[in-house]
Amino acid sequence: MKRPLPLNTVVRLALVSGIVLISACAAPIAKPVVGFSCCNLRMEGGWVSSNNVQGGTLIPAGEPVQLTSIKKRFYVYGSIGGQEVALRDDGANTEADTLRWVNKLVVSDDPRQRLRAWPAEIRTAAQAGRVLVGMTREQVLFSLGYPSREDTPDLEASTWRYWTALDDSPVDLRFDGSGKLADLAGRPAAIRTVGFDS
C-alpha cells in the first residue's frame, strides 16, 4: 500500500507548481540576473519580498542565483540554490526599480568569502540569520538582508527597521556613530526573532 505524501510535501509541491504556472506568463529578462545571493533571504510561500519580513524559510547567503523572467514590472522568477523562487518588489513603480532591487540581492562574488574572516560568534549568528550587538552594517545586511525601502530608505541612517512575522511586529536596529549595531528595540518576542543568543 502506498503511503500518502506528508502534508508539508504536498504544500511545497503546490507552491512550486503555482510559481511555475505563474512564471510561464512572464517575459524573459533581456539580460538574466546571475550570481550569488548577497545575504540571507527569507522566503514565505515561495516568494522573496522586498518587505523582507523576518520569518519563513531561510535561503542562505552565497547560494547560486539565476533569474530569467519578469511579469507586471515587479514579479521576477528563476532559481536560487537550485530551487524555483519568485521575487516580488512591493515598492516598485517600474520594471527598472524592480531590477535595481534584484541586482542588490544578486552579487557576482560569493559573500561567504567575507564571512570566513569574521569572528566565530559573528559567523555563527550570521549563518543563523540573526544579529549580535557589535555587528557592522555589512554583517547585519548579510544576516538579515536589506530592510524595506519604505521603512529604511537610507542605509546610512542610524536606525534600520525590520518586520517580523510574529504579529507583524517591527524591530528597530540602532547603530552607533562608528556604524556598529548598538541595540535592538521592539517587543521582546520580536527581538528574539532576529537577535542571537550565544
Protein backbone atom coordinates (compact mmCIF):
# COMPACT_ATOMS: atom_id res chain seq x y z
CA MET A 1 0.00 0.00 0.00
CA LYS A 2 1.36 3.41 -0.95
CA ARG A 3 1.70 5.92 1.84
CA PRO A 4 0.28 9.38 1.14
CA LEU A 5 2.73 12.25 0.87
CA PRO A 6 3.23 14.28 4.08
CA LEU A 7 1.18 17.48 4.16
CA ASN A 8 4.25 19.78 4.10
CA THR A 9 5.48 18.00 0.94
CA VAL A 10 2.08 18.44 -0.71
CA VAL A 11 2.05 22.14 0.20
CA ARG A 12 5.59 22.63 -1.15
CA LEU A 13 4.73 20.88 -4.40
CA ALA A 14 1.60 23.01 -4.78
CA LEU A 15 3.58 26.22 -4.21
CA VAL A 16 6.30 25.28 -6.69
CA SER A 17 3.64 24.26 -9.24
CA GLY A 18 1.90 27.61 -8.75
CA ILE A 19 5.15 29.54 -9.24
CA VAL A 20 5.96 27.57 -12.39
CA LEU A 21 2.46 28.22 -13.82
CA ILE A 22 2.55 31.95 -12.98
CA SER A 23 6.09 32.37 -14.30
CA ALA A 24 5.03 30.79 -17.61
CA CYS A 25 3.15 34.05 -18.34
CA ALA A 26 6.22 36.19 -17.62
CA ALA A 27 8.51 37.78 -20.22
CA PRO A 28 12.21 36.93 -20.40
CA ILE A 29 14.58 39.43 -18.78
CA ALA A 30 16.76 40.95 -21.53
CA LYS A 31 19.87 40.08 -19.52
CA PRO A 32 19.26 37.26 -16.99
CA VAL A 33 20.45 38.07 -13.47
CA VAL A 34 23.09 35.53 -12.46
CA GLY A 35 25.38 35.33 -9.43
CA PHE A 36 25.07 34.61 -5.72
CA SER A 37 22.54 35.63 -3.07
CA CYS A 38 24.07 38.68 -1.38
CA CYS A 39 22.78 37.80 2.00
CA ASN A 40 20.38 35.58 3.84
CA LEU A 41 16.96 35.87 2.22
CA ARG A 42 13.57 34.95 3.66
CA MET A 43 11.04 33.06 1.59
CA GLU A 44 7.37 32.73 2.51
CA GLY A 45 5.06 30.67 0.33
CA GLY A 46 7.62 30.50 -2.47
CA TRP A 47 8.12 34.29 -2.51
CA VAL A 48 11.03 36.51 -1.50
CA SER A 49 9.60 40.01 -0.92
CA SER A 50 11.26 43.42 -0.79
CA ASN A 51 9.42 43.96 2.51
CA ASN A 52 11.76 41.27 3.91
CA VAL A 53 9.61 40.16 6.83
CA GLN A 54 11.79 38.08 9.15
CA GLY A 55 10.24 34.63 9.26
CA GLY A 56 9.63 31.87 6.77
CA THR A 57 12.34 29.75 5.18
CA LEU A 58 15.94 30.97 5.29
CA ILE A 59 17.78 30.94 1.96
CA PRO A 60 21.47 31.20 2.91
CA ALA A 61 23.80 33.86 1.54
CA GLY A 62 26.04 32.65 -1.26
CA GLU A 63 23.51 30.40 -2.99
CA PRO A 64 23.77 30.36 -6.82
CA VAL A 65 21.08 32.54 -8.41
CA GLN A 66 19.65 32.61 -11.92
CA LEU A 67 16.67 34.91 -12.53
CA THR A 68 15.29 34.77 -16.04
CA SER A 69 11.81 36.33 -16.33
CA ILE A 70 9.69 39.22 -15.11
CA LYS A 71 5.94 39.86 -15.02
CA LYS A 72 3.88 43.02 -14.38
CA ARG A 73 7.01 45.04 -13.55
CA PHE A 74 7.50 43.67 -10.03
CA TYR A 75 7.49 39.84 -10.17
CA VAL A 76 10.78 38.13 -11.05
CA TYR A 77 11.19 34.37 -11.49
CA GLY A 78 14.08 31.94 -11.53
CA SER A 79 16.04 29.79 -9.13
CA ILE A 80 18.11 30.26 -6.01
CA GLY A 81 20.17 27.33 -4.81
CA GLY A 82 18.51 25.14 -7.43
CA GLN A 83 15.04 25.86 -6.03
CA GLU A 84 12.34 27.64 -8.06
CA VAL A 85 11.52 31.01 -6.48
CA ALA A 86 9.62 34.18 -7.19
CA LEU A 87 10.77 37.62 -6.05
CA ARG A 88 8.32 40.47 -5.50
CA ASP A 89 9.28 44.14 -5.20
CA ASP A 90 6.37 45.59 -3.25
CA GLY A 91 7.62 49.16 -3.62
CA ALA A 92 8.43 49.18 -7.35
CA ASN A 93 6.91 51.73 -9.69
CA THR A 94 8.70 50.46 -12.78
CA GLU A 95 10.42 47.35 -14.06
CA ALA A 96 13.72 49.25 -13.71
CA ASP A 97 13.01 49.74 -9.96
CA THR A 98 12.47 46.00 -9.57
CA LEU A 99 15.63 45.11 -11.46
CA ARG A 100 17.67 47.58 -9.34
CA TRP A 101 16.38 45.83 -6.21
CA VAL A 102 17.06 42.38 -7.67
CA ASN A 103 20.60 43.43 -8.63
CA LYS A 104 21.27 44.36 -4.98
CA LEU A 105 20.22 40.85 -3.91
CA VAL A 106 22.36 39.11 -6.53
CA VAL A 107 26.11 39.74 -6.39
CA SER A 108 28.92 38.50 -8.62
CA ASP A 109 31.24 37.34 -5.81
CA ASP A 110 30.27 34.71 -3.26
CA PRO A 111 29.70 36.65 0.01
CA ARG A 112 30.70 33.60 2.06
CA GLN A 113 34.33 34.56 1.34
CA ARG A 114 33.90 37.61 3.63
CA LEU A 115 32.10 35.50 6.23
CA ARG A 116 35.21 33.37 6.78
CA ALA A 117 37.16 36.41 8.00
CA TRP A 118 34.64 37.35 10.70
CA PRO A 119 34.98 36.31 14.36
CA ALA A 120 33.44 32.91 15.17
CA GLU A 121 30.48 34.31 17.16
CA ILE A 122 29.60 36.77 14.35
CA ARG A 123 29.89 33.95 11.77
CA THR A 124 27.58 31.69 13.77
CA ALA A 125 24.96 34.43 14.20
CA ALA A 126 25.16 35.45 10.53
CA GLN A 127 24.75 31.87 9.30
CA ALA A 128 21.67 31.53 11.53
CA GLY A 129 20.15 34.71 10.06
CA ARG A 130 20.45 36.56 13.39
CA VAL A 131 22.26 39.67 14.64
CA LEU A 132 24.51 40.48 17.58
CA VAL A 133 25.27 43.83 19.19
CA GLY A 134 28.62 44.95 17.78
CA MET A 135 27.97 43.77 14.21
CA THR A 136 28.80 46.15 11.39
CA ARG A 137 26.17 47.27 8.87
CA GLU A 138 27.69 44.83 6.35
CA GLN A 139 27.32 41.96 8.83
CA VAL A 140 23.70 42.92 9.60
CA LEU A 141 22.93 43.02 5.85
CA PHE A 142 24.50 39.59 5.41
CA SER A 143 22.46 38.23 8.34
CA LEU A 144 19.03 39.78 7.74
CA GLY A 145 19.13 41.08 4.18
CA TYR A 146 18.04 44.56 3.16
CA PRO A 147 15.38 46.29 5.24
CA SER A 148 12.27 47.51 3.43
CA ARG A 149 12.93 50.74 1.46
CA GLU A 150 9.72 52.23 2.86
CA ASP A 151 10.90 51.93 6.47
CA THR A 152 14.63 52.40 5.86
CA PRO A 153 15.17 54.45 2.70
CA ASP A 154 18.75 55.36 3.68
CA LEU A 155 21.20 52.64 4.72
CA GLU A 156 23.36 55.33 6.35
CA ALA A 157 20.54 56.05 8.82
CA SER A 158 21.21 55.32 12.48
CA THR A 159 18.13 53.05 12.70
CA TRP A 160 17.04 50.23 10.40
CA ARG A 161 13.58 48.75 10.76
CA TYR A 162 12.80 45.09 10.09
CA TRP A 163 9.39 43.49 10.43
CA THR A 164 8.85 40.07 11.95
CA ALA A 165 6.19 37.52 11.13
CA LEU A 166 5.36 37.48 14.84
CA ASP A 167 2.14 39.55 14.96
CA ASP A 168 3.63 41.79 12.24
CA SER A 169 5.88 43.43 14.86
CA PRO A 170 8.79 45.73 13.98
CA VAL A 171 12.29 45.57 15.40
CA ASP A 172 14.49 48.66 15.18
CA LEU A 173 18.23 48.06 14.90
CA ARG A 174 20.14 51.10 16.14
CA PHE A 175 23.71 51.78 15.08
CA ASP A 176 26.28 53.87 16.95
CA GLY A 177 28.45 56.58 15.41
CA SER A 178 31.02 54.04 14.23
CA GLY A 179 28.37 52.08 12.30
CA LYS A 180 28.15 49.15 14.71
CA LEU A 181 24.92 47.69 16.00
CA ALA A 182 24.31 49.24 19.44
CA ASP A 183 20.94 47.78 20.37
CA LEU A 184 17.62 46.36 19.23
CA ALA A 185 14.25 47.85 20.16
CA GLY A 186 10.80 46.31 19.90
CA ARG A 187 8.63 43.69 21.54
CA PRO A 188 10.81 41.12 23.34
CA ALA A 189 9.37 38.22 21.32
CA ALA A 190 10.05 40.09 18.04
CA ILE A 191 13.62 40.89 19.14
CA ARG A 192 14.17 37.18 19.81
CA THR A 193 13.20 36.54 16.18
CA VAL A 194 16.23 38.47 14.89
CA GLY A 195 18.60 38.58 17.86
CA PHE A 196 21.17 35.87 18.52
CA ASP A 197 21.65 34.29 21.93
CA SER A 198 25.09 32.73 22.05
